[in-house]
Each structure stands twice: as C-alpha cells, then as structure tokens.
Protein backbone atom coordinates (compact mmCIF):
# COMPACT_ATOMS: atom_id res chain seq x y z
CA UNK A 1 50.83 59.29 -7.19
CA UNK A 2 51.30 57.95 -10.72
CA UNK A 3 52.27 60.67 -13.17
CA UNK A 4 53.00 63.28 -10.50
CA UNK A 5 55.73 65.74 -11.38
CA UNK A 6 59.03 65.17 -9.54
CA UNK A 7 59.39 67.14 -6.32
CA UNK A 8 61.30 70.40 -6.53
CA UNK A 9 63.32 71.03 -3.36
CA UNK A 10 63.63 74.59 -2.13
CA UNK A 11 67.39 74.20 -1.79
CA UNK A 12 70.14 71.60 -1.58
CA UNK A 13 73.94 71.80 -1.87
CA UNK A 14 76.07 71.51 -5.00
CA UNK A 15 78.47 68.65 -4.33
CA UNK A 16 81.02 67.53 -6.93
CA UNK A 17 83.88 65.03 -7.07
CA UNK A 18 86.15 67.74 -5.63
CA UNK A 19 84.19 67.90 -2.35
CA UNK A 20 84.05 64.11 -2.17
CA UNK A 21 87.82 63.80 -2.74
CA UNK A 22 88.71 66.38 -0.10
CA UNK A 23 86.33 64.88 2.48
CA UNK A 24 87.68 61.39 1.78
CA UNK A 25 91.24 62.63 2.24
CA UNK A 26 90.33 64.29 5.55
CA UNK A 27 88.60 61.09 6.72
CA UNK A 28 91.53 58.89 5.73
CA UNK A 29 94.48 61.11 6.59
CA UNK A 30 93.31 64.13 8.60
CA UNK A 31 94.30 62.91 12.03
CA UNK A 32 97.21 63.32 14.44
CA UNK A 33 99.51 66.09 13.23
CA UNK A 34 97.14 66.78 10.29
CA UNK A 35 93.97 67.12 12.32
CA UNK A 36 93.76 70.88 11.70
CA UNK A 37 95.11 71.05 8.14
CA UNK A 38 91.83 71.63 6.34
CA UNK A 39 90.51 73.91 9.11
CA UNK A 40 93.51 76.24 8.82
CA UNK A 41 93.29 76.14 5.04
CA UNK A 42 89.58 76.93 5.06
CA UNK A 43 89.95 79.80 7.53
CA UNK A 44 92.79 81.34 5.56
CA UNK A 45 90.99 81.01 2.24
CA UNK A 46 87.75 82.42 3.60
CA UNK A 47 89.32 85.48 5.23
CA UNK A 48 91.13 86.26 1.97
CA UNK A 49 87.92 85.83 -0.02
CA UNK A 50 86.14 88.20 2.36
CA UNK A 51 88.94 90.73 2.75
CA UNK A 52 89.08 90.33 6.54
CA UNK A 53 92.18 89.97 8.70
CA UNK A 54 91.04 86.98 10.76
CA UNK A 55 88.64 84.04 10.53
CA UNK A 56 87.70 81.23 12.91
CA UNK A 57 85.79 78.21 11.61
CA UNK A 58 82.95 77.24 13.94
CA UNK A 59 80.36 74.50 14.33
CA UNK A 60 77.57 76.96 13.49
CA UNK A 61 76.83 80.61 12.76
CA UNK A 62 74.97 80.65 16.09
CA UNK A 63 78.16 79.63 17.89
CA UNK A 64 80.14 82.33 16.09
CA UNK A 65 77.58 84.93 17.20
CA UNK A 66 77.55 83.61 20.79
CA UNK A 67 81.33 83.83 21.11
CA UNK A 68 81.56 87.23 19.45
CA UNK A 69 78.94 88.78 21.72
CA UNK A 70 80.56 87.18 24.75
CA UNK A 71 83.99 88.52 23.75
CA UNK A 72 82.48 92.02 23.58
CA UNK A 73 81.47 91.58 27.23
CA UNK A 74 77.74 91.63 26.56
CA UNK A 75 75.73 90.28 29.47
CA UNK A 76 73.04 90.90 32.04
CA UNK A 77 71.52 94.38 31.90
CA UNK A 78 72.74 95.08 28.37
CA UNK A 79 70.60 95.58 25.27
CA UNK A 80 71.27 94.47 21.69
CA UNK A 81 69.24 95.96 18.84
CA UNK A 82 68.26 93.70 15.95
CA UNK A 83 65.55 93.37 13.32
CA UNK A 84 62.29 91.67 14.24
CA UNK A 85 62.64 89.82 10.92
CA UNK A 86 65.25 87.22 11.79
CA UNK A 87 65.77 83.57 12.50
CA UNK A 88 65.82 82.67 16.19
CA UNK A 89 69.55 81.86 15.95
CA UNK A 90 70.39 85.56 15.89
CA UNK A 91 68.46 86.34 19.06
CA UNK A 92 69.18 83.21 21.11
CA UNK A 93 72.83 84.03 21.98
CA UNK A 94 71.75 87.44 23.29
CA UNK A 95 69.30 85.77 25.67
CA UNK A 96 71.76 83.04 26.65
CA UNK A 97 74.23 85.75 27.72
CA UNK A 98 71.57 87.35 29.92
CA UNK A 99 71.17 90.45 27.74
CA UNK A 100 67.93 91.81 26.28
CA UNK A 101 67.18 91.70 22.55
CA UNK A 102 65.48 94.89 21.35
CA UNK A 103 63.47 94.09 18.24
CA UNK A 104 62.88 96.87 15.72
CA UNK A 105 61.08 97.10 12.40
CA UNK A 106 62.44 96.51 8.91
CA UNK A 107 62.43 98.56 5.73
CA UNK A 108 59.66 97.43 3.34
CA UNK A 109 61.98 97.51 0.30
CA UNK A 110 64.97 95.55 1.60
CA UNK A 111 63.32 93.54 4.43
CA UNK A 112 66.40 94.47 6.50
CA UNK A 113 66.68 96.48 9.72
CA UNK A 114 65.46 100.09 9.55
CA UNK A 115 68.33 102.41 10.59
CA UNK A 116 65.88 105.11 11.74
CA UNK A 117 64.30 102.58 14.12
CA UNK A 118 67.76 101.57 15.34
CA UNK A 119 68.59 105.18 16.18
CA UNK A 120 65.26 105.63 17.93
CA UNK A 121 65.89 102.64 20.20
CA UNK A 122 69.47 103.41 21.27
CA UNK A 123 69.77 103.80 25.04
CA UNK A 124 72.60 103.93 27.55
CA UNK A 125 72.20 100.16 27.87
CA UNK A 126 72.66 99.47 24.13
CA UNK A 127 75.87 97.50 23.71
CA UNK A 128 75.56 96.27 20.10
CA UNK A 129 73.57 96.56 16.87
CA UNK A 130 73.13 93.45 14.72
CA UNK A 131 72.67 93.97 10.98
CA UNK A 132 71.15 90.84 9.44
CA UNK A 133 71.52 90.63 5.66
CA UNK A 134 68.30 88.68 5.17
CA UNK A 135 68.07 86.27 2.20
CA UNK A 136 71.18 87.91 0.69
CA UNK A 137 69.61 91.39 0.78
CA UNK A 138 71.86 94.07 2.25
CA UNK A 139 71.34 96.31 5.25
CA UNK A 140 72.17 99.99 4.81
CA UNK A 141 75.66 99.62 6.25
CA UNK A 142 76.67 103.26 5.77
CA UNK A 143 73.84 104.49 7.98
CA UNK A 144 74.27 101.72 10.55
CA UNK A 145 78.02 102.19 10.82
CA UNK A 146 77.48 105.94 11.23
CA UNK A 147 75.02 105.29 14.07
CA UNK A 148 77.54 102.95 15.67
CA UNK A 149 80.36 105.49 15.43
CA UNK A 150 78.30 108.37 16.81
CA UNK A 151 77.08 106.36 19.80
CA UNK A 152 80.20 104.26 20.36
CA UNK A 153 78.31 101.02 19.73
CA UNK A 154 79.73 98.07 17.75
CA UNK A 155 77.82 97.04 14.63
CA UNK A 156 77.79 93.30 14.05
CA UNK A 157 76.98 91.69 10.71
CA UNK A 158 74.86 88.55 10.66
CA UNK A 159 75.90 87.48 7.16
CA UNK A 160 74.63 83.90 7.55
CA UNK A 161 72.65 84.27 4.31
CA UNK A 162 74.88 86.73 2.47
CA UNK A 163 77.76 84.86 0.85
CA UNK A 164 78.38 86.80 -2.38
CA UNK A 165 76.56 89.98 -1.33
CA UNK A 166 78.52 93.23 -1.60
CA UNK A 167 77.86 96.75 -0.32
CA UNK A 168 79.62 99.31 -2.56
CA UNK A 169 82.66 97.09 -3.11
CA UNK A 170 82.82 95.62 0.39
CA UNK A 171 81.72 92.05 1.02
CA UNK A 172 78.91 91.42 3.49
CA UNK A 173 80.39 90.37 6.82
CA UNK A 174 83.61 92.37 6.41
CA UNK A 175 82.39 95.82 7.48
CA UNK A 176 81.25 95.47 11.09
CA UNK A 177 83.18 94.89 14.31
CA UNK A 178 82.74 91.24 13.48
CA UNK A 179 80.72 89.15 11.05
CA UNK A 180 79.23 85.67 11.21
CA UNK A 181 78.45 83.19 8.43
CA UNK A 182 76.50 79.95 8.13
CA UNK A 183 77.53 76.92 6.09
CA UNK A 184 74.39 74.91 6.80
CA UNK A 185 73.39 72.45 4.07
CA UNK A 186 70.91 74.96 2.67
CA UNK A 187 73.47 77.72 2.17
CA UNK A 188 75.28 78.86 -1.00
CA UNK A 189 78.56 77.50 0.39
CA UNK A 190 78.18 74.51 2.68
CA UNK A 191 80.07 72.28 5.09
CA UNK A 192 76.90 70.40 6.07
CA UNK A 193 76.73 72.25 9.37
CA UNK A 194 79.15 74.96 10.32
CA UNK A 195 79.92 78.63 10.40
CA UNK A 196 82.64 81.28 10.50
CA UNK A 197 83.56 84.17 12.78
CA UNK A 198 85.40 86.97 10.96
CA UNK A 199 86.95 90.22 12.16
CA UNK A 200 89.75 92.65 11.40
CA UNK A 201 90.08 93.53 15.11
CA UNK A 202 93.12 91.56 16.26
CA UNK A 203 92.38 91.88 19.98
CA UNK A 204 88.82 90.68 19.50
CA UNK A 205 90.10 87.80 17.37
CA UNK A 206 92.41 86.63 20.17
CA UNK A 207 89.55 86.72 22.68
CA UNK A 208 87.25 84.69 20.46
CA UNK A 209 90.04 82.26 19.53
CA UNK A 210 90.57 81.58 23.23
CA UNK A 211 86.83 81.22 23.88
CA UNK A 212 86.49 78.82 20.95
CA UNK A 213 88.88 76.30 22.53
CA UNK A 214 87.42 75.97 26.04
CA UNK A 215 89.18 79.15 27.12
CA UNK A 216 92.67 77.84 26.34
CA UNK A 217 94.88 80.68 25.03
CA UNK A 218 97.16 79.71 22.17
CA UNK A 219 100.25 81.11 23.96
CA UNK A 220 99.57 79.10 27.13
CA UNK A 221 102.42 76.63 27.64
CA UNK A 222 100.69 74.45 30.25
CA UNK A 223 98.90 71.48 28.69
CA UNK A 224 95.13 71.29 29.31
CA UNK A 225 95.18 74.66 31.09
CA UNK A 226 92.23 76.96 30.30
CA UNK A 227 92.72 80.62 31.15
CA UNK A 228 89.01 81.36 30.90
CA UNK A 229 85.67 79.58 30.83
CA UNK A 230 85.08 79.16 27.12
CA UNK A 231 82.98 77.30 24.58
CA UNK A 232 83.26 74.31 22.29
CA UNK A 233 82.18 75.62 18.90
CA UNK A 234 84.96 74.21 16.71
CA UNK A 235 84.47 72.93 13.18
CA UNK A 236 85.73 69.44 12.34
CA UNK A 237 88.53 68.84 9.85
CA UNK A 238 86.20 66.81 7.61
CA UNK A 239 83.66 69.64 7.49
CA UNK A 240 86.45 72.09 6.69
CA UNK A 241 87.59 69.81 3.84
CA UNK A 242 84.16 70.20 2.26
CA UNK A 243 84.45 73.94 2.83
CA UNK A 244 87.84 74.11 1.10
CA UNK A 245 86.40 72.47 -2.01
CA UNK A 246 83.35 74.74 -1.95
CA UNK A 247 85.57 77.79 -1.53
CA UNK A 248 87.48 76.86 -4.68
CA UNK A 249 84.09 76.99 -6.46
CA UNK A 250 82.64 79.96 -4.57
CA UNK A 251 82.38 82.34 -7.52
CA UNK A 252 80.67 79.65 -9.56
CA UNK A 253 78.26 78.91 -6.71
CA UNK A 254 77.41 82.60 -6.24
CA UNK A 255 77.01 83.14 -9.98
CA UNK A 256 74.52 80.27 -10.24
CA UNK A 257 72.43 81.63 -7.34
CA UNK A 258 72.38 85.04 -8.98
CA UNK A 259 71.40 83.52 -12.32
CA UNK A 260 68.43 81.75 -10.73
CA UNK A 261 67.20 84.97 -9.13
CA UNK A 262 67.66 86.76 -12.47
CA UNK A 263 65.63 84.07 -14.22
CA UNK A 264 62.78 84.47 -11.73
CA UNK A 265 62.93 88.25 -12.17
CA UNK A 266 62.75 87.90 -15.95
CA UNK A 267 59.87 85.41 -15.90
CA UNK A 268 57.88 87.41 -13.33
CA UNK A 269 58.60 90.81 -14.82
CA UNK A 270 55.14 91.13 -16.36
CA UNK A 271 53.25 90.36 -13.19
CA UNK A 272 51.94 93.39 -11.30
CA UNK A 273 52.13 93.46 -7.53
CA UNK A 274 55.13 91.14 -7.04
CA UNK A 275 58.48 92.21 -5.54
CA UNK A 276 61.64 90.08 -5.52
CA UNK A 277 64.96 90.51 -3.71
CA UNK A 278 66.26 94.02 -4.47
CA UNK A 279 69.66 94.94 -5.85
CA UNK A 280 70.20 98.65 -5.43
CA UNK A 281 72.80 100.76 -7.26
CA UNK A 282 76.31 99.97 -6.08
CA UNK A 283 75.35 96.67 -4.43
CA UNK A 284 75.45 93.01 -5.39
CA UNK A 285 72.85 90.62 -4.00
CA UNK A 286 74.29 87.15 -3.37
CA UNK A 287 70.76 85.82 -4.02
CA UNK A 288 70.80 83.04 -1.46
CA UNK A 289 67.03 82.79 -1.24
CA UNK A 290 64.85 84.29 -4.01
CA UNK A 291 61.72 85.56 -2.29
CA UNK A 292 58.46 86.85 -3.73
CA UNK A 293 56.45 89.42 -1.78
CA UNK A 294 52.93 90.12 -3.06
CA UNK A 295 51.17 93.46 -2.70
CA UNK A 296 48.33 93.26 -0.20
CA UNK A 297 45.72 94.22 -2.81
CA UNK A 298 46.52 91.10 -4.85
CA UNK A 299 44.70 89.01 -2.25
CA UNK A 300 47.52 86.44 -2.35
CA UNK A 301 48.45 85.15 1.10
CA UNK A 302 51.12 82.91 2.60
CA UNK A 303 48.55 80.16 3.14
CA UNK A 304 47.29 80.36 -0.44
CA UNK A 305 50.86 80.15 -1.71
CA UNK A 306 51.67 77.18 0.53
CA UNK A 307 48.62 75.29 -0.69
CA UNK A 308 49.35 75.99 -4.35
CA UNK A 309 53.00 74.98 -4.19
CA UNK A 310 52.23 71.85 -2.17
CA UNK A 311 49.66 70.81 -4.78
CA UNK A 312 52.33 71.24 -7.49
CA UNK A 313 54.84 69.12 -5.49
CA UNK A 314 57.13 72.11 -5.00
CA UNK A 315 58.86 72.81 -1.68
CA UNK A 316 58.48 76.57 -1.11
CA UNK A 317 59.43 78.05 2.26
CA UNK A 318 57.59 80.67 4.32
CA UNK A 319 59.11 84.08 5.03
CA UNK A 320 60.50 84.34 8.56
CA UNK A 321 57.86 85.01 11.20
CA UNK A 322 58.59 88.13 13.27
CA UNK A 323 60.51 87.03 16.34
CA UNK A 324 58.10 88.97 18.55
CA UNK A 325 55.30 86.70 17.35
CA UNK A 326 57.04 83.72 18.98
CA UNK A 327 55.99 82.55 22.46
CA UNK A 328 59.29 83.37 24.15
CA UNK A 329 59.15 87.08 23.35
CA UNK A 330 56.69 89.91 24.00
CA UNK A 331 54.63 90.96 20.98
CA UNK A 332 55.67 94.13 19.17
CA UNK A 333 53.01 94.65 16.54
CA UNK A 334 54.24 98.21 16.08
CA UNK A 335 56.95 96.58 13.96
CA UNK A 336 54.35 96.64 11.24
CA UNK A 337 56.46 95.67 8.22
CA UNK A 338 58.01 92.73 10.05
CA UNK A 339 54.52 91.53 10.95
CA UNK A 340 52.86 92.29 7.62
CA UNK A 341 55.28 91.08 4.94
CA UNK A 342 55.44 87.39 6.03
CA UNK A 343 51.67 87.10 5.57
CA UNK A 344 52.03 87.63 1.80
CA UNK A 345 55.45 86.26 0.92
CA UNK A 346 57.13 82.98 -0.03
CA UNK A 347 60.72 81.75 -0.50
CA UNK A 348 61.15 80.23 -3.96
CA UNK A 349 63.24 77.11 -4.75
CA UNK A 350 66.79 77.98 -5.79
CA UNK A 351 69.16 75.00 -5.58
CA UNK A 352 72.22 75.26 -7.82
CA UNK A 353 71.28 72.48 -10.25
CA UNK A 354 67.77 73.80 -10.82
CA UNK A 355 66.78 73.81 -14.50
CA UNK A 356 64.89 76.45 -16.44
CA UNK A 357 62.04 73.97 -16.81
CA UNK A 358 61.84 73.70 -13.02
CA UNK A 359 61.89 77.48 -12.65
CA UNK A 360 59.04 77.56 -15.16
CA UNK A 361 57.09 75.13 -12.98
CA UNK A 362 57.50 77.48 -10.03
CA UNK A 363 56.40 80.56 -11.95
CA UNK A 364 53.48 78.60 -13.43
CA UNK A 365 52.13 78.23 -9.89
CA UNK A 366 52.28 81.98 -9.45
CA UNK A 367 50.60 82.41 -12.83
CA UNK A 368 47.80 80.07 -11.76
CA UNK A 369 47.18 82.26 -8.71
CA UNK A 370 47.33 85.64 -10.38
CA UNK A 371 45.48 84.72 -13.57
CA UNK A 372 47.44 87.43 -15.32
CA UNK A 373 50.66 87.30 -17.34
CA UNK A 374 52.42 90.37 -18.64
CA UNK A 375 49.31 92.56 -18.83
CA UNK A 376 50.09 95.00 -16.08
CA UNK A 377 46.37 95.13 -15.25
CA UNK A 378 44.96 94.77 -11.75
CA UNK A 379 44.02 91.25 -10.78
CA UNK A 380 42.56 89.25 -7.95
CA UNK A 381 43.74 85.89 -6.73
CA UNK A 382 41.64 82.97 -7.85
CA UNK A 383 39.68 81.11 -5.20
CA UNK A 384 41.66 78.31 -3.60
C-alpha cells in the first residue's frame, strides 16, 4: 500500500562483516583436517563465557536437551517436571524418550516455573526438573536447586532464551546438572540454527559427547565403531564460524537487547496496568524478548493486540500458549497463570538494529489502545 510505514520485524540477527568473513573462511577452507576448527573454537569460547567446564555444539537446543535427558537415563515410566509455559521443544524430547512430562504452573511475576508447584508434584518417579528461563527472565534457581538436592533430582536449565541473563553472579545455564542453549536466527547470539549443551559434570559430558557422534566414544580406536546407539545432533563448521564471530560480539549483542528493553520500560512507564520483563535485585535479565503483559481489568486482549500491531505493519508475537492447551497433551487448567497470562500479553519487536523511532511506533500502538499516557488513571481499551 502506497505510503505504508515500513514493516518492523519482531526480531532478526545482527550480522556484520566479521560473521561474513568467518563463514566465508569456513566455507573455503574448513574441510579435511580443519573440518572441526571453528566448532572446537566455538565450544571452548562459549564454555569460558558461561563459566562451565564443558560444552558441545549441537544442531539445535532441542537436540542438546534430548541427548542430555537420554544421558541421565530418563525413559519409560519416568516423570520430568517442567513449566506449562514453554515451547514444545522442551517437552518433545521427554515424550520421545518415553517419559511423562508433568506440567506445572508459573509464577505471575516472572512467568517462570513455580518452585512450590514443583515441590508439590515430586513423586518417586520424578527423574528431572527443567527450569526454563522464559524470554530471558530467570527461574528462582536457589529454590529449585534446593528442591533438587533434597530429593536427589537433577535440575536442568533450558536457557534457550537466556543468553546474558545472570542469577546472583552466575550465568543462566551454568547452575544446573546441565544447560541447553539455542542459536536459532531469532536469538541474541545466532548460528542460523544450532544449540549448545553445557555441563560441569565430566562423566555426563563424556556420555553426551559419545551420544552426539552416533555413539562413537572418542577413545575408541576402531574406525566406524559405535559403542552405543547415539544421535546425530552435531553443528556444522560453517555454523560454528558464525557463532565464533557472534561470541566475539556477545557483550555488545546482550547490551543492545537490554537497551531496547530499557527503552520500552522508559516509554511505557506512565501506563497503568502494563508489566514488562522483570529484573529482580541481584539478577540481570538478558532481555531476549521484551514482553508486555496487560492487567485483566484493562480489557486489552491478545487478539486486540494482534489486530492493532498488524494494522500498524508491526510483527508482534504472541506469548507462548500453555503446552496443556495443545492437542497432544491433556488439559491442565488448574495451571491458571500459564493459561491466563497468554490471553493478555504480546512479545514486542526487539531486533538489535531497531531505532528509537521504531520503538516509538510500537509504543504508539499501545498508546492507541489504552488511550492514556502517563496519567496513572484507570482506563478501558478502545473498541477495535
């Protein structure tokens, strides 16, 4: 349409000449004896950034989770507790291994798993707890790790969305038995597709390393001899080259994400009834996905938000549906926060090169819905 404002994407990667140069070098020279050079470099750099002992680059975060759960021996008859607010990728490996995902509610302030609900659902069949740091927000790791210690259950960190997030000086993904990360094209640090398995448990690392290469142990002298039935979740050298360049810029990438969230917070500060990603005392939110949650009495719904942003040519994303609302799982409406919050929430655009003028366009949409700016008075949403 003539005169329409340019489309604002909800996210896209920050790619510079450095990424292009490294990827070109891997494409031209990363073969034969050099076919793992960038992979090894990326793994080593990432584990040092995180403060973990070991890292394995994978084709996806889902693959990292699948191998980690498998290495823990999780299978048929076992239960794994996780938040109902999640992407399907966190639950799918549990089901693929024959175990049962136990979905529990979230805390209304952090949108992350409720430790009290975790404790309430622990049984003799519970073999793991997954802490998903949703949108860069942090789970209460002190309480979850305490539950894990008292019951002898490993706590796993799904840090797919939490590059840059820190819990009282410890980086997300470095605190649990193992952690998993995503480098999808939408993430703060990207390899296009890809992920990372991290752990400081050396025995677990060796198991996953073997599983990641079709079950071939690295000390096996026989060529093409698998010692176990494994997986094929390896990252390519070209993807890792992109990752190496991104890792050199990681603090810059995190800082820009945090600056965008801070700008939204500043511009929306005067609006009553809107909550953004929290950052509690002693924590740092990596701010992967700025998200606005509207109080129920505002009358603003997910559908109203979708319509308004679409009309403004802005790509805003819906909050994750509760997994127990999906057809492959039994409903658990008692997880009331996980079911309620998505109905009145929206993910806001936050790509690295976003300008202040574009952020203003996003907040103008919210202003058009609320009809109130910086008054602090009650309001009702305008009719769509």
